[in-house]
Amino acid sequence: MLHAIVTVACLVWFTPILQLLAAALRTNPDTAASGWWNIFVDPLITLDNFAAAATVMRLGSTVPATLAMSIPAVILTVLLAAYGGHALSRWDFRGKGIVYAALVGLMVVPPQVTLAPLVQLFSAVGLTGNPAAVWLWSLGFTLPFGVFLMRGYMASLPEELIEAAKVDGASELRVFFQIILPLSAPILASLGILQFLWTWNDLLTPLIFVGPASANAPITLQLANLLQSQSGGATNLLSAGSLIAVLVPLIVIVSLQRYFVAGITAGAVKG
């Protein structure tokens, strides 16, 4: 019974994706004449929609621009969150509880309330239209969650192992990079995957800080431009563009799924 329920739930969840794929593989007249399920009855498949969508979305420049926003944001977030989690889990200093409480409180601040002042700040320092604006915004609003996640995991690491390294003369940085980080690989991978997906799929932040007409516009802005430029009859082209936009996140989550699950489940029972 449990397997039957899970199977039905998966089919219901997968049906819209299957419909999107069917629309991307059909022509506009074929889509207008019959339902998407007819692709299984009369499979008239074409790849022209993907080629046209790739051209309109300028994938040659869009994908590198999106990676230029996503990868640095992931690296900065993971490293700073890891060191912050290490400090809160291992160091004793005055105001430690206040710092931790402030981080937890920052997790409930709506990011939208900071958009207007940050636009003014980034314009004043010349970051408007630059991917660095997206890095800083993503870092600022993911870091409290990342530190919270890292602290819970790192607090359960064996204290004896760290003390033995310090007795052998290891510095704090060496302990962090050679002991803490390798032992925390699952949670680091989980946070990195989450940050990559959030940054890659983000539309609002690049729209405000980069702009849809910029040469640094990511793939989400190009997809939005495609939606605005096409009429209601261009469903197939929009479907193909949507599938192209989710291809890289899909590859990331499928290839790193076991690391993501290991990190999240481990962090759920630590600390």
C-alpha atoms as a PDB file:
ATOM      1  CA  MET A   1       0.000   0.000   0.000  1.00  0.00           C
ATOM      2  CA  LEU A   2       2.825   2.374   0.840  1.00  0.00           C
ATOM      3  CA  HIS A   3       4.558   1.682  -2.490  1.00  0.00           C
ATOM      4  CA  ALA A   4       1.277   2.241  -4.323  1.00  0.00           C
ATOM      5  CA  ILE A   5       0.744   5.603  -2.623  1.00  0.00           C
ATOM      6  CA  VAL A   6       4.304   6.732  -3.356  1.00  0.00           C
ATOM      7  CA  THR A   7       3.989   5.614  -6.989  1.00  0.00           C
ATOM      8  CA  VAL A   8       0.751   7.549  -7.473  1.00  0.00           C
ATOM      9  CA  ALA A   9       2.268  10.639  -5.832  1.00  0.00           C
ATOM     10  CA  CYS A  10       5.308  10.437  -8.129  1.00  0.00           C
ATOM     11  CA  LEU A  11       3.105  10.101 -11.208  1.00  0.00           C
ATOM     12  CA  VAL A  12       1.023  13.111 -10.184  1.00  0.00           C
ATOM     13  CA  TRP A  13       4.180  15.148  -9.533  1.00  0.00           C
ATOM     14  CA  PHE A  14       5.808  14.051 -12.794  1.00  0.00           C
ATOM     15  CA  THR A  15       2.788  14.667 -15.057  1.00  0.00           C
ATOM     16  CA  PRO A  16       3.328  18.454 -15.487  1.00  0.00           C
ATOM     17  CA  ILE A  17       6.994  17.810 -16.346  1.00  0.00           C
ATOM     18  CA  LEU A  18       5.952  15.211 -18.893  1.00  0.00           C
ATOM     19  CA  GLN A  19       3.449  17.671 -20.354  1.00  0.00           C
ATOM     20  CA  LEU A  20       6.179  20.309 -20.612  1.00  0.00           C
ATOM     21  CA  LEU A  21       8.484  17.876 -22.396  1.00  0.00           C
ATOM     22  CA  ALA A  22       5.715  16.816 -24.781  1.00  0.00           C
ATOM     23  CA  ALA A  23       4.967  20.435 -25.665  1.00  0.00           C
ATOM     24  CA  ALA A  24       8.646  21.141 -26.310  1.00  0.00           C
ATOM     25  CA  LEU A  25       8.883  18.193 -28.704  1.00  0.00           C
ATOM     26  CA  ARG A  26       5.771  19.050 -30.757  1.00  0.00           C
ATOM     27  CA  THR A  27       5.022  21.705 -33.363  1.00  0.00           C
ATOM     28  CA  ASN A  28       2.583  24.563 -32.729  1.00  0.00           C
ATOM     29  CA  PRO A  29      -0.054  23.234 -35.173  1.00  0.00           C
ATOM     30  CA  ASP A  30       0.165  19.779 -33.606  1.00  0.00           C
ATOM     31  CA  THR A  31      -0.247  21.248 -30.125  1.00  0.00           C
ATOM     32  CA  ALA A  32      -3.240  23.334 -31.196  1.00  0.00           C
ATOM     33  CA  ALA A  33      -4.938  20.356 -32.859  1.00  0.00           C
ATOM     34  CA  SER A  34      -4.735  17.805 -30.035  1.00  0.00           C
ATOM     35  CA  GLY A  35      -3.818  17.259 -26.404  1.00  0.00           C
ATOM     36  CA  TRP A  36      -0.254  16.705 -25.268  1.00  0.00           C
ATOM     37  CA  TRP A  37      -0.890  13.013 -24.557  1.00  0.00           C
ATOM     38  CA  ASN A  38      -1.288  12.394 -28.294  1.00  0.00           C
ATOM     39  CA  ILE A  39       2.492  12.393 -28.570  1.00  0.00           C
ATOM     40  CA  PHE A  40       2.298   8.771 -27.388  1.00  0.00           C
ATOM     41  CA  VAL A  41      -0.326   7.931 -30.036  1.00  0.00           C
ATOM     42  CA  ASP A  42       1.054   9.873 -32.982  1.00  0.00           C
ATOM     43  CA  PRO A  43       4.653  10.807 -32.076  1.00  0.00           C
ATOM     44  CA  LEU A  44       5.529  13.680 -34.422  1.00  0.00           C
ATOM     45  CA  ILE A  45       8.687  14.804 -32.636  1.00  0.00           C
ATOM     46  CA  THR A  46      10.858  17.788 -33.551  1.00  0.00           C
ATOM     47  CA  LEU A  47      13.891  19.418 -31.937  1.00  0.00           C
ATOM     48  CA  ASP A  48      13.408  22.738 -33.715  1.00  0.00           C
ATOM     49  CA  ASN A  49      11.875  24.304 -30.600  1.00  0.00           C
ATOM     50  CA  PHE A  50      15.044  23.707 -28.601  1.00  0.00           C
ATOM     51  CA  ALA A  51      17.231  25.179 -31.331  1.00  0.00           C
ATOM     52  CA  ALA A  52      15.010  28.243 -31.654  1.00  0.00           C
ATOM     53  CA  ALA A  53      14.819  28.764 -27.888  1.00  0.00           C
ATOM     54  CA  ALA A  54      18.605  28.440 -27.541  1.00  0.00           C
ATOM     55  CA  THR A  55      19.077  31.101 -30.202  1.00  0.00           C
ATOM     56  CA  VAL A  56      16.544  33.530 -28.730  1.00  0.00           C
ATOM     57  CA  MET A  57      17.902  33.064 -25.197  1.00  0.00           C
ATOM     58  CA  ARG A  58      21.518  33.504 -26.405  1.00  0.00           C
ATOM     59  CA  LEU A  59      22.782  30.510 -24.487  1.00  0.00           C
ATOM     60  CA  GLY A  60      26.372  31.102 -25.603  1.00  0.00           C
ATOM     61  CA  SER A  61      26.574  34.149 -23.319  1.00  0.00           C
ATOM     62  CA  THR A  62      23.689  33.471 -20.940  1.00  0.00           C
ATOM     63  CA  VAL A  63      24.971  30.226 -19.430  1.00  0.00           C
ATOM     64  CA  PRO A  64      28.467  31.633 -18.630  1.00  0.00           C
ATOM     65  CA  ALA A  65      26.821  34.730 -17.114  1.00  0.00           C
ATOM     66  CA  THR A  66      24.573  32.576 -14.937  1.00  0.00           C
ATOM     67  CA  LEU A  67      27.501  30.422 -13.827  1.00  0.00           C
ATOM     68  CA  ALA A  68      29.463  33.602 -13.048  1.00  0.00           C
ATOM     69  CA  MET A  69      26.704  34.535 -10.619  1.00  0.00           C
ATOM     70  CA  SER A  70      26.088  31.104  -9.127  1.00  0.00           C
ATOM     71  CA  ILE A  71      29.550  29.603  -8.589  1.00  0.00           C
ATOM     72  CA  PRO A  72      31.180  32.495  -6.660  1.00  0.00           C
ATOM     73  CA  ALA A  73      28.058  32.808  -4.507  1.00  0.00           C
ATOM     74  CA  VAL A  74      28.318  29.098  -3.662  1.00  0.00           C
ATOM     75  CA  ILE A  75      32.030  29.243  -2.831  1.00  0.00           C
ATOM     76  CA  LEU A  76      31.737  32.354  -0.641  1.00  0.00           C
ATOM     77  CA  THR A  77      28.660  31.077   1.177  1.00  0.00           C
ATOM     78  CA  VAL A  78      30.082  27.623   1.915  1.00  0.00           C
ATOM     79  CA  LEU A  79      33.457  28.868   3.160  1.00  0.00           C
ATOM     80  CA  LEU A  80      32.132  31.690   5.340  1.00  0.00           C
ATOM     81  CA  ALA A  81      29.272  29.593   6.709  1.00  0.00           C
ATOM     82  CA  ALA A  82      31.680  26.772   7.518  1.00  0.00           C
ATOM     83  CA  TYR A  83      34.041  29.042   9.431  1.00  0.00           C
ATOM     84  CA  GLY A  84      31.147  30.751  11.199  1.00  0.00           C
ATOM     85  CA  GLY A  85      29.669  27.398  12.192  1.00  0.00           C
ATOM     86  CA  HIS A  86      33.068  26.263  13.437  1.00  0.00           C
ATOM     87  CA  ALA A  87      33.460  29.394  15.548  1.00  0.00           C
ATOM     88  CA  LEU A  88      30.021  29.096  17.128  1.00  0.00           C
ATOM     89  CA  SER A  89      30.397  25.394  17.819  1.00  0.00           C
ATOM     90  CA  ARG A  90      33.994  25.313  19.140  1.00  0.00           C
ATOM     91  CA  TRP A  91      34.995  28.736  20.419  1.00  0.00           C
ATOM     92  CA  ASP A  92      34.059  30.287  23.746  1.00  0.00           C
ATOM     93  CA  PHE A  93      33.740  34.070  23.652  1.00  0.00           C
ATOM     94  CA  ARG A  94      31.633  36.733  25.282  1.00  0.00           C
ATOM     95  CA  GLY A  95      28.327  37.328  23.525  1.00  0.00           C
ATOM     96  CA  LYS A  96      28.333  33.977  21.747  1.00  0.00           C
ATOM     97  CA  GLY A  97      24.684  33.340  22.609  1.00  0.00           C
ATOM     98  CA  ILE A  98      23.692  36.810  21.408  1.00  0.00           C
ATOM     99  CA  VAL A  99      25.478  36.295  18.099  1.00  0.00           C
ATOM    100  CA  TYR A 100      23.742  32.967  17.586  1.00  0.00           C
ATOM    101  CA  ALA A 101      20.351  34.416  18.491  1.00  0.00           C
ATOM    102  CA  ALA A 102      20.934  37.289  16.045  1.00  0.00           C
ATOM    103  CA  LEU A 103      21.734  34.814  13.262  1.00  0.00           C
ATOM    104  CA  VAL A 104      18.548  32.879  13.949  1.00  0.00           C
ATOM    105  CA  GLY A 105      16.603  36.133  13.962  1.00  0.00           C
ATOM    106  CA  LEU A 106      18.074  37.189  10.606  1.00  0.00           C
ATOM    107  CA  MET A 107      16.675  34.027   9.048  1.00  0.00           C
ATOM    108  CA  VAL A 108      13.134  35.419   9.342  1.00  0.00           C
ATOM    109  CA  VAL A 109      13.887  38.847   7.817  1.00  0.00           C
ATOM    110  CA  PRO A 110      12.107  39.139   4.427  1.00  0.00           C
ATOM    111  CA  PRO A 111      14.791  39.746   1.797  1.00  0.00           C
ATOM    112  CA  GLN A 112      12.439  42.011  -0.168  1.00  0.00           C
ATOM    113  CA  VAL A 113      12.598  44.753   2.484  1.00  0.00           C
ATOM    114  CA  THR A 114      16.273  45.361   1.679  1.00  0.00           C
ATOM    115  CA  LEU A 115      15.962  45.673  -2.086  1.00  0.00           C
ATOM    116  CA  ALA A 116      15.396  49.432  -2.240  1.00  0.00           C
ATOM    117  CA  PRO A 117      18.294  50.460   0.057  1.00  0.00           C
ATOM    118  CA  LEU A 118      20.624  47.931  -1.538  1.00  0.00           C
ATOM    119  CA  VAL A 119      19.818  49.254  -5.009  1.00  0.00           C
ATOM    120  CA  GLN A 120      20.868  52.708  -3.827  1.00  0.00           C
ATOM    121  CA  LEU A 121      24.013  51.339  -2.158  1.00  0.00           C
ATOM    122  CA  PHE A 122      25.101  49.251  -5.140  1.00  0.00           C
ATOM    123  CA  SER A 123      24.446  52.158  -7.506  1.00  0.00           C
ATOM    124  CA  ALA A 124      26.597  54.421  -5.337  1.00  0.00           C
ATOM    125  CA  VAL A 125      29.549  52.007  -5.368  1.00  0.00           C
ATOM    126  CA  GLY A 126      29.176  51.024  -9.036  1.00  0.00           C
ATOM    127  CA  LEU A 127      27.956  47.463  -8.620  1.00  0.00           C
ATOM    128  CA  THR A 128      24.716  47.837 -10.584  1.00  0.00           C
ATOM    129  CA  GLY A 129      24.788  45.551 -13.615  1.00  0.00           C
ATOM    130  CA  ASN A 130      27.662  43.565 -12.111  1.00  0.00           C
ATOM    131  CA  PRO A 131      27.392  39.887 -11.018  1.00  0.00           C
ATOM    132  CA  ALA A 132      29.098  40.878  -7.760  1.00  0.00           C
ATOM    133  CA  ALA A 133      25.839  42.513  -6.678  1.00  0.00           C
ATOM    134  CA  VAL A 134      24.096  39.150  -6.901  1.00  0.00           C
ATOM    135  CA  TRP A 135      26.962  37.461  -5.018  1.00  0.00           C
ATOM    136  CA  LEU A 136      26.700  39.891  -2.109  1.00  0.00           C
ATOM    137  CA  TRP A 137      22.914  39.717  -1.931  1.00  0.00           C
ATOM    138  CA  SER A 138      22.862  35.919  -2.057  1.00  0.00           C
ATOM    139  CA  LEU A 139      25.673  35.692   0.474  1.00  0.00           C
ATOM    140  CA  GLY A 140      23.989  38.063   2.909  1.00  0.00           C
ATOM    141  CA  PHE A 141      20.685  36.237   2.973  1.00  0.00           C
ATOM    142  CA  THR A 142      21.976  32.671   2.854  1.00  0.00           C
ATOM    143  CA  LEU A 143      24.795  33.044   5.370  1.00  0.00           C
ATOM    144  CA  PRO A 144      22.627  33.035   8.542  1.00  0.00           C
ATOM    145  CA  PHE A 145      20.950  29.800   7.444  1.00  0.00           C
ATOM    146  CA  GLY A 146      24.313  28.347   6.416  1.00  0.00           C
ATOM    147  CA  VAL A 147      25.947  29.149   9.766  1.00  0.00           C
ATOM    148  CA  PHE A 148      22.939  27.704  11.591  1.00  0.00           C
ATOM    149  CA  LEU A 149      23.195  24.519   9.528  1.00  0.00           C
ATOM    150  CA  MET A 150      26.968  24.208   9.971  1.00  0.00           C
ATOM    151  CA  ARG A 151      26.893  24.838  13.697  1.00  0.00           C
ATOM    152  CA  GLY A 152      24.429  22.021  14.268  1.00  0.00           C
ATOM    153  CA  TYR A 153      26.585  19.583  12.326  1.00  0.00           C
ATOM    154  CA  MET A 154      30.015  20.668  13.559  1.00  0.00           C
ATOM    155  CA  ALA A 155      28.984  20.648  17.221  1.00  0.00           C
ATOM    156  CA  SER A 156      28.779  16.846  17.061  1.00  0.00           C
ATOM    157  CA  LEU A 157      32.255  16.280  15.605  1.00  0.00           C
ATOM    158  CA  PRO A 158      34.610  14.438  18.015  1.00  0.00           C
ATOM    159  CA  GLU A 159      36.211  16.940  20.356  1.00  0.00           C
ATOM    160  CA  GLU A 160      39.018  14.485  21.115  1.00  0.00           C
ATOM    161  CA  LEU A 161      40.185  14.539  17.509  1.00  0.00           C
ATOM    162  CA  ILE A 162      40.482  18.326  17.508  1.00  0.00           C
ATOM    163  CA  GLU A 163      42.250  18.390  20.859  1.00  0.00           C
ATOM    164  CA  ALA A 164      44.730  15.767  19.640  1.00  0.00           C
ATOM    165  CA  ALA A 165      45.526  17.898  16.597  1.00  0.00           C
ATOM    166  CA  LYS A 166      46.116  20.962  18.777  1.00  0.00           C
ATOM    167  CA  VAL A 167      48.358  18.958  21.094  1.00  0.00           C
ATOM    168  CA  ASP A 168      50.418  17.994  18.042  1.00  0.00           C
ATOM    169  CA  GLY A 169      50.885  21.695  17.293  1.00  0.00           C
ATOM    170  CA  ALA A 170      48.186  22.275  14.661  1.00  0.00           C
ATOM    171  CA  SER A 171      47.055  25.878  14.381  1.00  0.00           C
ATOM    172  CA  GLU A 172      43.395  26.887  14.376  1.00  0.00           C
ATOM    173  CA  LEU A 173      43.409  27.333  10.591  1.00  0.00           C
ATOM    174  CA  ARG A 174      45.064  23.966  10.055  1.00  0.00           C
ATOM    175  CA  VAL A 175      42.498  22.275  12.288  1.00  0.00           C
ATOM    176  CA  PHE A 176      39.737  23.951  10.321  1.00  0.00           C
ATOM    177  CA  PHE A 177      41.010  23.140   6.840  1.00  0.00           C
ATOM    178  CA  GLN A 178      42.472  19.670   7.463  1.00  0.00           C
ATOM    179  CA  ILE A 179      40.048  18.252  10.030  1.00  0.00           C
ATOM    180  CA  ILE A 180      36.801  20.206  10.248  1.00  0.00           C
ATOM    181  CA  LEU A 181      36.192  20.698   6.530  1.00  0.00           C
ATOM    182  CA  PRO A 182      36.882  17.066   5.471  1.00  0.00           C
ATOM    183  CA  LEU A 183      34.650  15.730   8.248  1.00  0.00           C
ATOM    184  CA  SER A 184      31.913  18.197   7.270  1.00  0.00           C
ATOM    185  CA  ALA A 185      31.903  17.317   3.561  1.00  0.00           C
ATOM    186  CA  PRO A 186      28.250  16.095   3.472  1.00  0.00           C
ATOM    187  CA  ILE A 187      26.805  19.261   5.012  1.00  0.00           C
ATOM    188  CA  LEU A 188      29.092  21.443   2.888  1.00  0.00           C
ATOM    189  CA  ALA A 189      27.794  19.703  -0.235  1.00  0.00           C
ATOM    190  CA  SER A 190      24.193  20.148   0.899  1.00  0.00           C
ATOM    191  CA  LEU A 191      24.596  23.876   1.483  1.00  0.00           C
ATOM    192  CA  GLY A 192      26.481  24.290  -1.801  1.00  0.00           C
ATOM    193  CA  ILE A 193      23.735  22.528  -3.756  1.00  0.00           C
ATOM    194  CA  LEU A 194      21.008  24.610  -2.121  1.00  0.00           C
ATOM    195  CA  GLN A 195      22.837  27.875  -2.771  1.00  0.00           C
ATOM    196  CA  PHE A 196      23.524  26.921  -6.385  1.00  0.00           C
ATOM    197  CA  LEU A 197      19.862  26.088  -7.013  1.00  0.00           C
ATOM    198  CA  TRP A 198      18.664  29.264  -5.311  1.00  0.00           C
ATOM    199  CA  THR A 199      21.049  31.489  -7.260  1.00  0.00           C
ATOM    200  CA  TRP A 200      20.561  29.764 -10.617  1.00  0.00           C
ATOM    201  CA  ASN A 201      16.753  29.889 -10.371  1.00  0.00           C
ATOM    202  CA  ASP A 202      16.558  33.417  -8.958  1.00  0.00           C
ATOM    203  CA  LEU A 203      14.692  35.929 -11.103  1.00  0.00           C
ATOM    204  CA  LEU A 204      13.982  38.897  -8.832  1.00  0.00           C
ATOM    205  CA  THR A 205      17.541  39.643  -7.703  1.00  0.00           C
ATOM    206  CA  PRO A 206      19.180  39.730 -11.177  1.00  0.00           C
ATOM    207  CA  LEU A 207      16.182  41.646 -12.517  1.00  0.00           C
ATOM    208  CA  ILE A 208      16.742  44.418  -9.979  1.00  0.00           C
ATOM    209  CA  PHE A 209      20.535  44.465  -9.619  1.00  0.00           C
ATOM    210  CA  VAL A 210      21.615  43.438 -13.139  1.00  0.00           C
ATOM    211  CA  GLY A 211      18.739  44.305 -15.450  1.00  0.00           C
ATOM    212  CA  PRO A 212      17.106  42.370 -18.305  1.00  0.00           C
ATOM    213  CA  ALA A 213      19.002  44.238 -21.019  1.00  0.00           C
ATOM    214  CA  SER A 214      22.446  43.739 -19.489  1.00  0.00           C
ATOM    215  CA  ALA A 215      25.101  41.561 -21.101  1.00  0.00           C
ATOM    216  CA  ASN A 216      25.322  39.805 -17.709  1.00  0.00           C
ATOM    217  CA  ALA A 217      21.625  38.844 -17.683  1.00  0.00           C
ATOM    218  CA  PRO A 218      21.243  35.234 -16.426  1.00  0.00           C
ATOM    219  CA  ILE A 219      19.125  32.513 -17.953  1.00  0.00           C
ATOM    220  CA  THR A 220      16.059  33.319 -15.834  1.00  0.00           C
ATOM    221  CA  LEU A 221      15.921  36.845 -17.264  1.00  0.00           C
ATOM    222  CA  GLN A 222      16.344  35.507 -20.788  1.00  0.00           C
ATOM    223  CA  LEU A 223      13.470  33.105 -20.205  1.00  0.00           C
ATOM    224  CA  ALA A 224      11.320  35.968 -18.906  1.00  0.00           C
ATOM    225  CA  ASN A 225      12.210  38.002 -22.008  1.00  0.00           C
ATOM    226  CA  LEU A 226      11.235  35.026 -24.156  1.00  0.00           C
ATOM    227  CA  LEU A 227       7.889  34.842 -22.368  1.00  0.00           C
ATOM    228  CA  GLN A 228       7.204  38.533 -22.987  1.00  0.00           C
ATOM    229  CA  SER A 229       8.291  38.474 -26.621  1.00  0.00           C
ATOM    230  CA  GLN A 230       6.208  35.468 -27.665  1.00  0.00           C
ATOM    231  CA  SER A 231       2.480  35.383 -28.252  1.00  0.00           C
ATOM    232  CA  GLY A 232       0.137  32.876 -26.631  1.00  0.00           C
ATOM    233  CA  GLY A 233       0.575  30.487 -29.547  1.00  0.00           C
ATOM    234  CA  ALA A 234       4.288  29.967 -28.877  1.00  0.00           C
ATOM    235  CA  THR A 235       3.755  27.421 -26.102  1.00  0.00           C
ATOM    236  CA  ASN A 236       6.207  24.977 -27.638  1.00  0.00           C
ATOM    237  CA  LEU A 237       9.051  27.487 -27.739  1.00  0.00           C
ATOM    238  CA  LEU A 238       8.450  28.518 -24.129  1.00  0.00           C
ATOM    239  CA  SER A 239       8.346  24.883 -23.035  1.00  0.00           C
ATOM    240  CA  ALA A 240      11.668  24.204 -24.721  1.00  0.00           C
ATOM    241  CA  GLY A 241      13.193  27.300 -23.113  1.00  0.00           C
ATOM    242  CA  SER A 242      11.956  26.222 -19.680  1.00  0.00           C
ATOM    243  CA  LEU A 243      13.503  22.778 -20.063  1.00  0.00           C
ATOM    244  CA  ILE A 244      16.809  24.313 -21.152  1.00  0.00           C
ATOM    245  CA  ALA A 245      16.756  26.601 -18.109  1.00  0.00           C
ATOM    246  CA  VAL A 246      16.323  23.715 -15.651  1.00  0.00           C
ATOM    247  CA  LEU A 247      18.814  21.385 -17.339  1.00  0.00           C
ATOM    248  CA  VAL A 248      21.903  22.403 -15.347  1.00  0.00           C
ATOM    249  CA  PRO A 249      20.142  22.367 -11.922  1.00  0.00           C
ATOM    250  CA  LEU A 250      18.682  18.978 -12.813  1.00  0.00           C
ATOM    251  CA  ILE A 251      22.141  17.609 -13.626  1.00  0.00           C
ATOM    252  CA  VAL A 252      23.528  19.018 -10.372  1.00  0.00           C
ATOM    253  CA  ILE A 253      20.814  17.610  -8.128  1.00  0.00           C
ATOM    254  CA  VAL A 254      20.798  14.191  -9.807  1.00  0.00           C
ATOM    255  CA  SER A 255      24.588  13.777  -9.829  1.00  0.00           C
ATOM    256  CA  LEU A 256      25.034  15.031  -6.238  1.00  0.00           C
ATOM    257  CA  GLN A 257      21.840  13.650  -4.773  1.00  0.00           C
ATOM    258  CA  ARG A 258      23.483  11.199  -2.401  1.00  0.00           C
ATOM    259  CA  TYR A 259      25.713  13.938  -0.935  1.00  0.00           C
ATOM    260  CA  PHE A 260      22.725  16.232  -0.509  1.00  0.00           C
ATOM    261  CA  VAL A 261      20.634  13.603   1.256  1.00  0.00           C
ATOM    262  CA  ALA A 262      23.561  12.528   3.449  1.00  0.00           C
ATOM    263  CA  GLY A 263      24.243  16.082   4.534  1.00  0.00           C
ATOM    264  CA  ILE A 264      20.644  17.028   5.271  1.00  0.00           C
ATOM    265  CA  THR A 265      19.844  13.834   7.161  1.00  0.00           C
ATOM    266  CA  ALA A 266      23.078  14.021   9.132  1.00  0.00           C
ATOM    267  CA  GLY A 267      22.474  17.645  10.055  1.00  0.00           C
ATOM    268  CA  ALA A 268      18.954  16.809  11.177  1.00  0.00           C
ATOM    269  CA  VAL A 269      20.169  14.625  14.050  1.00  0.00           C
ATOM    270  CA  LYS A 270      23.350  16.469  15.017  1.00  0.00           C
ATOM    271  CA  GLY A 271      23.701  18.878  17.905  1.00  0.00           C
END
